[in-house]
Amino acid sequence: MAEVKVLSGTSFFTANATGYISKLIPDDFSLPFKDILHRLKQKTQTLNNDERDSTYGYGLLLNKN
């Protein structure tokens, strides 16, 4: 049976998140940072009861349209 571990840190998902965020930014960079951040937060599912925590950040990034 495979062993499952919880790891903290962001390096494992950085490339995926960067690719996803690049799809949110228009080619002319006209969207303000706060709007990009708002859209990104809308696409997350919290993994704890809090909005943000030190282990999971804002939660799971859902890659759905």
Protein backbone atom coordinates (compact mmCIF):
# COMPACT_ATOMS: atom_id res chain seq x y z
CA MET A 1 0.00 0.00 0.00
CA ALA A 2 1.30 3.47 -0.88
CA GLU A 3 2.21 5.85 1.90
CA VAL A 4 0.47 9.22 1.82
CA LYS A 5 2.16 12.28 3.30
CA VAL A 6 1.11 15.89 3.72
CA LEU A 7 3.83 18.34 2.73
CA SER A 8 3.74 22.05 3.34
CA GLY A 9 5.16 24.55 0.93
CA THR A 10 4.28 25.84 -2.48
CA SER A 11 7.04 24.53 -4.73
CA PHE A 12 5.12 21.43 -5.83
CA PHE A 13 2.24 23.38 -7.35
CA THR A 14 4.01 26.56 -8.43
CA ALA A 15 4.22 25.62 -12.13
CA ASN A 16 0.54 24.64 -12.30
CA ALA A 17 -0.60 27.78 -10.50
CA THR A 18 1.58 29.97 -12.73
CA GLY A 19 0.04 28.45 -15.85
CA TYR A 20 -3.45 28.93 -14.49
CA ILE A 21 -2.79 32.54 -13.50
CA SER A 22 -1.32 33.29 -16.93
CA LYS A 23 -4.72 32.41 -18.41
CA LEU A 24 -6.36 35.06 -16.21
CA ILE A 25 -4.09 37.87 -17.41
CA PRO A 26 -5.16 39.53 -20.67
CA ASP A 27 -2.53 39.95 -23.39
CA ASP A 28 -2.38 43.70 -22.86
CA PHE A 29 -1.98 43.39 -19.04
CA SER A 30 -4.95 45.74 -18.55
CA LEU A 31 -6.45 43.80 -15.62
CA PRO A 32 -5.36 45.23 -12.23
CA PHE A 33 -3.60 42.91 -9.78
CA LYS A 34 -6.46 43.13 -7.25
CA ASP A 35 -8.90 41.84 -9.91
CA ILE A 36 -6.59 38.94 -10.79
CA LEU A 37 -6.28 38.08 -7.10
CA HIS A 38 -10.07 38.27 -6.67
CA ARG A 39 -10.65 35.91 -9.63
CA LEU A 40 -8.02 33.53 -8.29
CA LYS A 41 -9.65 33.45 -4.84
CA GLN A 42 -13.02 32.72 -6.48
CA LYS A 43 -11.50 29.60 -8.02
CA THR A 44 -10.32 28.14 -4.71
CA GLN A 45 -11.97 25.76 -2.30
CA THR A 46 -10.98 26.15 1.34
CA LEU A 47 -9.54 23.06 2.98
CA ASN A 48 -10.02 24.32 6.53
CA ASN A 49 -12.79 26.40 8.06
CA ASP A 50 -10.70 29.56 7.87
CA GLU A 51 -10.36 31.65 4.73
CA ARG A 52 -6.57 31.30 4.78
CA ASP A 53 -4.13 29.30 6.87
CA SER A 54 -0.40 28.61 7.03
CA THR A 55 -0.66 25.05 5.68
CA TYR A 56 -3.09 25.34 2.76
CA GLY A 57 -3.06 29.08 2.02
CA TYR A 58 -6.38 29.97 0.41
CA GLY A 59 -7.10 26.31 -0.34
CA LEU A 60 -7.33 24.11 -3.38
CA LEU A 61 -7.15 25.79 -6.78
CA LEU A 62 -9.98 24.42 -8.90
CA ASN A 63 -9.03 24.30 -12.56
CA LYS A 64 -12.56 24.62 -13.93
CA ASN A 65 -14.03 27.18 -16.31
